[in-house]
Amino acid sequence: MSQIMESGSNEAPPSPPPGTQVLSRAIAILQSFTQERPGWTLSALAADLNLPKSTTHRTLVALERSGFLSRNPQGGEYRLGPELIVLGARALKAVDVRDAARPDIEALAEATGEDVTLESRVGWEVLLLHEESSQRILGLGSPVGTLWPAHATATGKVLMAFSAEPSIPPPEGLFALTRHTIVSWEEWVATLEEVRRRGFATTVEELEYGYAAIAAPVRDQTGRPAAAVSIGGPLHRMSEDRMPELTAMVTAAAGRISERLGYRSEADLEGIDE
């Protein structure tokens, strides 16, 4: 996000969440499987990545159990597994969402003068799929592919509030990025209930000091959230007086994008039946 920080704040930057090294190691292993080298034995992979065989073995077993890798019981060679096909299909779907959202994302940025983003959920993080940056000073300006903690973002709140999956606490807990970040599980559950009731979510200095955002869900044909649209900017521009107008604009844009993806609300269906 933008580097807007509270003036005079003495808080140190947050440390990387626990498990970062394990995750990085797993990603490195998955990225080792290429068209030129689709299969690896334990020994060859450990040597190539300069990792202990015991560490490599534990990671391979975990990835195999999750379906991200499959192992030939005869030769012991590992290959990419079927779960990656599922993830690849979801990635293709995300591209479709981005194409459907682009006209409204561009129009919303032009109308508001603020940064407008389209984001999807990746576990307890949100992934930036598309952004139209503000031309003003103190804009967002984050590259596509950026990940943010879901519990500190308006998009994360929306995507988790309307998810069909039950909300389960992350192993590392809800960590603080500022003193306003939600770190209590009880408060998080109550927040999601409020988001479901209102139909949108907000954040005020929960990800960074001086930054506020508002987001609404983009639904697919099943009614589930495919992504979320967000308007964000400096707190002095995202004022309480302006929030009702921005809320109406972002929810309307999310609704139009949802319609392009095949979503129809109960009211729409009742109108068709009549």
Protein backbone atom coordinates (compact mmCIF):
# COMPACT_ATOMS: atom_id res chain seq x y z
CA MET A 1 0.00 0.00 0.00
CA SER A 2 0.99 3.63 -0.01
CA GLN A 3 3.65 4.67 2.38
CA ILE A 4 1.39 6.99 4.34
CA MET A 5 2.52 6.70 7.95
CA GLU A 6 1.45 8.42 11.10
CA SER A 7 3.59 11.38 11.81
CA GLY A 8 5.99 10.71 14.67
CA SER A 9 5.07 7.04 14.99
CA ASN A 10 7.79 5.04 16.74
CA GLU A 11 6.34 1.63 15.93
CA ALA A 12 8.80 -0.72 14.24
CA PRO A 13 7.81 -2.43 10.97
CA PRO A 14 6.02 -5.73 11.65
CA SER A 15 8.13 -8.86 11.51
CA PRO A 16 7.36 -11.44 8.80
CA PRO A 17 4.52 -13.74 9.92
CA PRO A 18 5.56 -17.12 11.35
CA GLY A 19 5.93 -19.81 8.71
CA THR A 20 7.23 -17.48 6.00
CA GLN A 21 10.41 -19.54 5.53
CA VAL A 22 8.45 -22.77 5.24
CA LEU A 23 6.11 -21.22 2.68
CA SER A 24 9.02 -19.81 0.66
CA ARG A 25 10.65 -23.23 0.62
CA ALA A 26 7.46 -24.89 -0.63
CA ILE A 27 7.07 -22.30 -3.38
CA ALA A 28 10.69 -22.81 -4.48
CA ILE A 29 10.07 -26.54 -4.72
CA LEU A 30 6.91 -26.11 -6.81
CA GLN A 31 8.66 -23.65 -9.12
CA SER A 32 11.39 -26.23 -9.77
CA PHE A 33 8.92 -28.31 -11.83
CA THR A 34 9.11 -26.98 -15.37
CA GLN A 35 8.42 -28.16 -18.90
CA GLU A 36 12.11 -28.95 -19.23
CA ARG A 37 12.20 -30.76 -15.88
CA PRO A 38 8.70 -32.07 -15.00
CA GLY A 39 9.92 -34.72 -12.53
CA TRP A 40 12.33 -34.74 -9.58
CA THR A 41 13.64 -37.30 -7.14
CA LEU A 42 14.17 -36.30 -3.54
CA SER A 43 17.97 -36.39 -3.79
CA ALA A 44 18.14 -34.40 -7.03
CA LEU A 45 15.73 -31.74 -5.82
CA ALA A 46 17.50 -31.29 -2.47
CA ALA A 47 20.83 -30.91 -4.25
CA ASP A 48 19.43 -28.45 -6.79
CA LEU A 49 17.90 -26.22 -4.11
CA ASN A 50 20.81 -26.67 -1.71
CA LEU A 51 18.48 -27.90 1.03
CA PRO A 52 18.93 -30.75 3.55
CA LYS A 53 17.28 -33.94 2.35
CA SER A 54 15.27 -34.21 5.57
CA THR A 55 13.84 -30.72 5.13
CA THR A 56 13.09 -31.34 1.46
CA HIS A 57 11.42 -34.65 2.29
CA ARG A 58 9.11 -33.09 4.89
CA THR A 59 8.04 -30.39 2.44
CA LEU A 60 7.47 -32.88 -0.39
CA VAL A 61 5.32 -35.07 1.85
CA ALA A 62 3.20 -32.07 2.90
CA LEU A 63 2.74 -30.97 -0.71
CA GLU A 64 1.83 -34.51 -1.76
CA ARG A 65 -0.77 -34.80 0.98
CA SER A 66 -2.33 -31.54 -0.19
CA GLY A 67 -2.49 -32.74 -3.79
CA PHE A 68 0.03 -30.22 -5.08
CA LEU A 69 2.47 -33.02 -5.93
CA SER A 70 2.11 -36.68 -6.85
CA ARG A 71 4.73 -39.39 -6.38
CA ASN A 72 5.48 -42.41 -8.53
CA PRO A 73 5.69 -45.30 -6.03
CA GLN A 74 8.08 -47.25 -8.26
CA GLY A 75 10.78 -44.75 -9.09
CA GLY A 76 9.99 -42.28 -6.30
CA GLU A 77 9.85 -39.37 -8.71
CA TYR A 78 7.64 -36.40 -7.87
CA ARG A 79 5.50 -34.47 -10.35
CA LEU A 80 2.98 -31.65 -10.11
CA GLY A 81 -0.34 -32.86 -8.70
CA PRO A 82 -4.03 -32.45 -9.57
CA GLU A 83 -4.72 -29.70 -7.03
CA LEU A 84 -2.63 -27.33 -9.14
CA ILE A 85 -5.05 -27.92 -12.02
CA VAL A 86 -7.84 -26.69 -9.77
CA LEU A 87 -5.81 -23.62 -8.81
CA GLY A 88 -4.97 -22.99 -12.45
CA ALA A 89 -8.66 -23.05 -13.34
CA ARG A 90 -9.33 -20.52 -10.58
CA ALA A 91 -6.54 -18.33 -11.95
CA LEU A 92 -8.12 -18.39 -15.40
CA LYS A 93 -11.43 -17.47 -13.83
CA ALA A 94 -9.77 -14.53 -12.12
CA VAL A 95 -8.61 -13.25 -15.50
CA ASP A 96 -12.22 -13.32 -16.66
CA VAL A 97 -13.21 -11.31 -13.60
CA ARG A 98 -10.55 -8.74 -14.40
CA ASP A 99 -11.79 -8.33 -17.96
CA ALA A 100 -15.38 -7.95 -16.78
CA ALA A 101 -14.38 -5.41 -14.15
CA ARG A 102 -12.04 -3.19 -16.16
CA PRO A 103 -14.65 -0.72 -17.55
CA ASP A 104 -16.14 -0.03 -14.13
CA ILE A 105 -12.74 0.10 -12.41
CA GLU A 106 -11.56 2.74 -14.86
CA ALA A 107 -14.79 4.74 -14.62
CA LEU A 108 -14.77 4.61 -10.82
CA ALA A 109 -11.20 5.88 -10.62
CA GLU A 110 -12.03 8.71 -13.01
CA ALA A 111 -15.17 9.69 -11.10
CA THR A 112 -13.67 9.57 -7.60
CA GLY A 113 -10.07 10.62 -8.23
CA GLU A 114 -8.96 7.83 -5.88
CA ASP A 115 -7.21 4.48 -6.31
CA VAL A 116 -9.60 1.70 -7.33
CA THR A 117 -8.59 -1.95 -7.11
CA LEU A 118 -9.95 -5.39 -7.93
CA GLU A 119 -8.73 -8.08 -5.53
CA SER A 120 -9.29 -11.78 -4.92
CA ARG A 121 -8.74 -13.94 -1.86
CA VAL A 122 -5.79 -16.29 -1.40
CA GLY A 123 -6.25 -17.91 2.00
CA TRP A 124 -5.71 -15.23 4.63
CA GLU A 125 -4.38 -12.76 2.06
CA VAL A 126 -5.85 -10.73 -0.78
CA LEU A 127 -4.27 -10.57 -4.22
CA LEU A 128 -4.25 -7.42 -6.35
CA LEU A 129 -5.67 -8.34 -9.78
CA HIS A 130 -6.09 -4.88 -11.30
CA GLU A 131 -5.66 -1.27 -10.25
CA GLU A 132 -6.46 2.15 -11.61
CA SER A 133 -4.21 4.56 -9.75
CA SER A 134 -5.12 8.05 -8.67
CA GLN A 135 -3.29 10.89 -10.37
CA ARG A 136 -3.19 12.71 -7.07
CA ILE A 137 -0.30 12.84 -4.66
CA LEU A 138 -0.34 10.08 -2.03
CA GLY A 139 -1.90 7.49 -4.29
CA LEU A 140 -1.66 3.72 -4.00
CA GLY A 141 0.55 2.67 -6.89
CA SER A 142 0.97 -1.03 -6.04
CA PRO A 143 1.93 -3.61 -8.70
CA VAL A 144 -0.47 -6.33 -9.82
CA GLY A 145 0.25 -9.48 -7.82
CA THR A 146 0.78 -7.63 -4.53
CA LEU A 147 -0.52 -9.53 -1.48
CA TRP A 148 -1.93 -7.93 1.67
CA PRO A 149 -3.19 -9.48 4.93
CA ALA A 150 -6.93 -10.06 4.47
CA HIS A 151 -7.86 -9.12 8.02
CA ALA A 152 -6.41 -5.61 7.59
CA THR A 153 -8.15 -4.75 4.30
CA ALA A 154 -11.69 -3.85 3.28
CA THR A 155 -11.52 -6.33 0.39
CA GLY A 156 -10.41 -9.11 2.72
CA LYS A 157 -13.31 -8.43 5.06
CA VAL A 158 -15.80 -8.55 2.19
CA LEU A 159 -14.37 -11.70 0.62
CA MET A 160 -14.28 -13.59 3.91
CA ALA A 161 -17.67 -12.33 5.10
CA PHE A 162 -19.47 -13.66 2.03
CA SER A 163 -17.39 -16.81 1.55
CA ALA A 164 -19.19 -20.15 1.66
CA GLU A 165 -16.28 -21.55 3.65
CA PRO A 166 -16.37 -21.28 7.46
CA SER A 167 -14.01 -18.71 8.95
CA ILE A 168 -11.26 -20.51 10.86
CA PRO A 169 -8.56 -18.67 12.82
CA PRO A 170 -5.17 -18.61 11.05
CA PRO A 171 -2.43 -20.64 12.78
CA GLU A 172 -0.37 -17.51 13.49
CA GLY A 173 -3.39 -15.55 14.73
CA LEU A 174 -4.42 -12.06 13.64
CA PHE A 175 -1.27 -9.95 13.76
CA ALA A 176 -1.19 -6.17 14.04
CA LEU A 177 0.08 -3.84 11.32
CA THR A 178 -1.06 -0.71 13.17
CA ARG A 179 -2.70 -0.16 16.51
CA HIS A 180 -6.07 -0.14 14.71
CA THR A 181 -5.69 -3.60 13.12
CA ILE A 182 -8.19 -6.19 14.33
CA VAL A 183 -6.31 -8.81 16.36
CA SER A 184 -9.15 -10.24 18.46
CA TRP A 185 -10.93 -13.25 16.94
CA GLU A 186 -14.21 -12.26 18.62
CA GLU A 187 -13.98 -8.78 17.11
CA TRP A 188 -13.16 -10.27 13.71
CA VAL A 189 -16.23 -12.53 13.77
CA ALA A 190 -18.43 -9.59 14.80
CA THR A 191 -16.94 -7.49 12.00
CA LEU A 192 -17.79 -10.11 9.38
CA GLU A 193 -21.36 -10.25 10.66
CA GLU A 194 -21.63 -6.49 10.27
CA VAL A 195 -20.19 -6.65 6.76
CA ARG A 196 -22.77 -9.26 5.78
CA ARG A 197 -25.53 -7.05 7.17
CA ARG A 198 -24.35 -3.87 5.43
CA GLY A 199 -23.14 -5.46 2.19
CA PHE A 200 -19.80 -3.63 2.17
CA ALA A 201 -16.69 -3.19 4.32
CA THR A 202 -14.42 -0.37 5.39
CA THR A 203 -10.96 -0.04 6.89
CA VAL A 204 -9.55 3.02 8.59
CA GLU A 205 -5.82 2.94 9.34
CA GLU A 206 -5.90 -0.85 9.83
CA LEU A 207 -3.34 -1.60 7.11
CA GLU A 208 -1.38 1.65 7.23
CA TYR A 209 -1.64 4.87 9.17
CA GLY A 210 -3.42 7.60 7.27
CA TYR A 211 -5.06 5.20 4.79
CA ALA A 212 -8.75 4.29 4.47
CA ALA A 213 -10.70 2.13 2.02
CA ILE A 214 -14.16 0.82 1.27
CA ALA A 215 -14.98 -2.38 -0.64
CA ALA A 216 -17.95 -4.32 -2.03
CA PRO A 217 -18.19 -7.93 -3.26
CA VAL A 218 -18.22 -9.02 -6.90
CA ARG A 219 -20.32 -12.19 -7.16
CA ASP A 220 -20.24 -14.96 -9.76
CA GLN A 221 -23.24 -16.78 -11.19
CA THR A 222 -23.56 -18.89 -8.04
CA GLY A 223 -23.72 -15.83 -5.79
CA ARG A 224 -20.33 -16.48 -4.24
CA PRO A 225 -17.68 -13.73 -4.13
CA ALA A 226 -15.36 -13.93 -7.12
CA ALA A 227 -13.48 -10.76 -6.18
CA ALA A 228 -13.94 -7.43 -4.45
CA VAL A 229 -13.79 -3.83 -5.67
CA SER A 230 -12.18 -1.21 -3.44
CA ILE A 231 -11.81 2.56 -3.36
CA GLY A 232 -8.92 3.73 -1.23
CA GLY A 233 -6.97 6.84 -0.41
CA PRO A 234 -5.58 9.13 2.28
CA LEU A 235 -7.78 9.59 5.32
CA HIS A 236 -8.22 13.31 4.73
CA ARG A 237 -9.82 12.56 1.35
CA MET A 238 -11.76 9.49 2.50
CA SER A 239 -13.67 11.56 5.05
CA GLU A 240 -16.83 10.58 6.90
CA ASP A 241 -18.81 13.14 4.90
CA ARG A 242 -17.68 11.57 1.63
CA MET A 243 -18.07 7.90 2.61
CA PRO A 244 -21.83 7.56 1.83
CA GLU A 245 -21.24 8.76 -1.72
CA LEU A 246 -18.24 6.44 -2.20
CA THR A 247 -20.18 3.53 -0.68
CA ALA A 248 -22.98 3.97 -3.20
CA MET A 249 -20.51 4.19 -6.07
CA VAL A 250 -18.45 1.11 -5.16
CA THR A 251 -21.47 -1.07 -4.43
CA ALA A 252 -23.10 -0.03 -7.71
CA ALA A 253 -19.91 -0.82 -9.64
CA ALA A 254 -19.58 -4.20 -7.93
CA GLY A 255 -23.19 -4.94 -8.81
CA ARG A 256 -22.65 -4.18 -12.50
CA ILE A 257 -19.55 -6.35 -12.63
CA SER A 258 -21.42 -9.17 -10.90
CA GLU A 259 -24.14 -9.00 -13.54
CA ARG A 260 -21.52 -9.41 -16.28
CA LEU A 261 -20.38 -12.58 -14.50
CA GLY A 262 -23.92 -13.97 -14.56
CA TYR A 263 -25.04 -13.08 -11.06
CA ARG A 264 -28.71 -12.28 -10.51
CA SER A 265 -30.10 -11.15 -7.19
CA GLU A 266 -33.39 -12.47 -5.81
CA ALA A 267 -35.04 -9.20 -6.81
CA ASP A 268 -33.79 -9.61 -10.38
CA LEU A 269 -35.10 -13.18 -10.55
CA GLU A 270 -38.49 -12.14 -9.17
CA GLY A 271 -38.68 -9.49 -11.88
CA ILE A 272 -37.93 -12.10 -14.54
CA ASP A 273 -40.60 -14.45 -13.17
CA GLU A 274 -43.18 -11.70 -13.29
